[in-house]
Amino acid sequence: MPIIRLEMLTGRTHAQKAELAEVLTRETARIAKCPLSDVQLVMTEVERSMWSVGGTLAEPAQSSASAK
C-alpha cells in the first residue's frame, strides 16, 4: 500500500489540496499498478516561520518597529 507524505507551506485552497490528492493518488496507483483505494496521502502544512531553504527562513523576521 503506497503512502505519500506531502509537506508544503500553508496557504493552498481546499480546491488545490483536493486536486493534489486526486492527481497524486491517480498517478501513484497507475505507476505502482495498484487500486486507488490502496493509496494513502498525508498532507502536512507548515507555517512560513517554520520553513527554511538554504539557511534562510521563508518568512522574514519582523522588525521591532513593525511589530508594534
Protein backbone atom coordinates (compact mmCIF):
# COMPACT_ATOMS: atom_id res chain seq x y z
CA MET A 1 0.00 0.00 0.00
CA PRO A 2 1.71 3.23 -1.13
CA ILE A 3 1.75 6.08 1.38
CA ILE A 4 2.57 9.58 0.12
CA ARG A 5 3.71 12.22 2.61
CA LEU A 6 3.46 15.76 1.28
CA GLU A 7 4.77 18.75 3.21
CA MET A 8 4.09 22.25 1.94
CA LEU A 9 3.77 25.80 3.13
CA THR A 10 0.32 26.87 4.31
CA GLY A 11 -1.89 28.89 2.01
CA ARG A 12 -3.30 26.43 -0.55
CA THR A 13 -7.05 26.43 -1.05
CA HIS A 14 -9.25 23.42 -0.37
CA ALA A 15 -9.68 23.04 -4.14
CA GLN A 16 -5.90 22.96 -4.68
CA LYS A 17 -5.45 20.32 -1.97
CA ALA A 18 -8.31 18.26 -3.42
CA GLU A 19 -6.70 18.38 -6.87
CA LEU A 20 -3.33 17.36 -5.43
CA ALA A 21 -4.98 14.44 -3.65
CA GLU A 22 -6.76 13.29 -6.81
CA VAL A 23 -3.77 13.61 -9.15
CA LEU A 24 -1.13 12.21 -6.79
CA THR A 25 -3.36 9.27 -5.91
CA ARG A 26 -4.26 8.52 -9.53
CA GLU A 27 -0.69 8.70 -10.82
CA THR A 28 0.76 6.72 -7.92
CA ALA A 29 -1.82 3.97 -8.45
CA ARG A 30 -1.09 3.94 -12.18
CA ILE A 31 2.68 3.68 -11.75
CA ALA A 32 2.52 1.25 -8.80
CA LYS A 33 -0.21 -0.79 -10.55
CA CYS A 34 -2.47 -0.88 -7.53
CA PRO A 35 -6.08 0.17 -6.80
CA LEU A 36 -6.75 3.82 -5.98
CA SER A 37 -8.12 2.67 -2.63
CA ASP A 38 -4.66 1.37 -1.67
CA VAL A 39 -3.02 4.79 -1.96
CA GLN A 40 -2.89 6.97 1.15
CA LEU A 41 -1.86 10.63 1.16
CA VAL A 42 -0.90 12.60 4.25
CA MET A 43 -0.66 16.38 3.77
CA THR A 44 1.16 18.45 6.34
CA GLU A 45 1.01 22.23 6.15
CA VAL A 46 3.89 24.16 7.68
CA GLU A 47 3.88 27.84 8.63
CA ARG A 48 6.40 30.01 6.78
CA SER A 49 8.10 30.87 10.06
CA MET A 50 8.96 27.17 10.46
CA TRP A 51 10.38 26.60 6.94
CA SER A 52 13.93 27.30 5.81
CA VAL A 53 15.60 26.90 2.42
CA GLY A 54 19.36 27.27 2.11
CA GLY A 55 19.62 28.52 5.68
CA THR A 56 17.10 31.34 5.21
CA LEU A 57 13.65 31.31 6.76
CA ALA A 58 10.80 31.53 4.25
CA GLU A 59 9.21 34.29 6.32
CA PRO A 60 11.45 37.29 7.02
CA ALA A 61 11.71 38.42 10.63
CA GLN A 62 9.52 41.35 11.61
CA SER A 63 11.41 44.37 12.83
CA SER A 64 10.52 45.57 16.31
CA ALA A 65 9.16 48.81 14.82
CA SER A 66 6.67 46.97 12.57
CA ALA A 67 5.66 44.60 15.36
CA LYS A 68 4.33 47.48 17.50
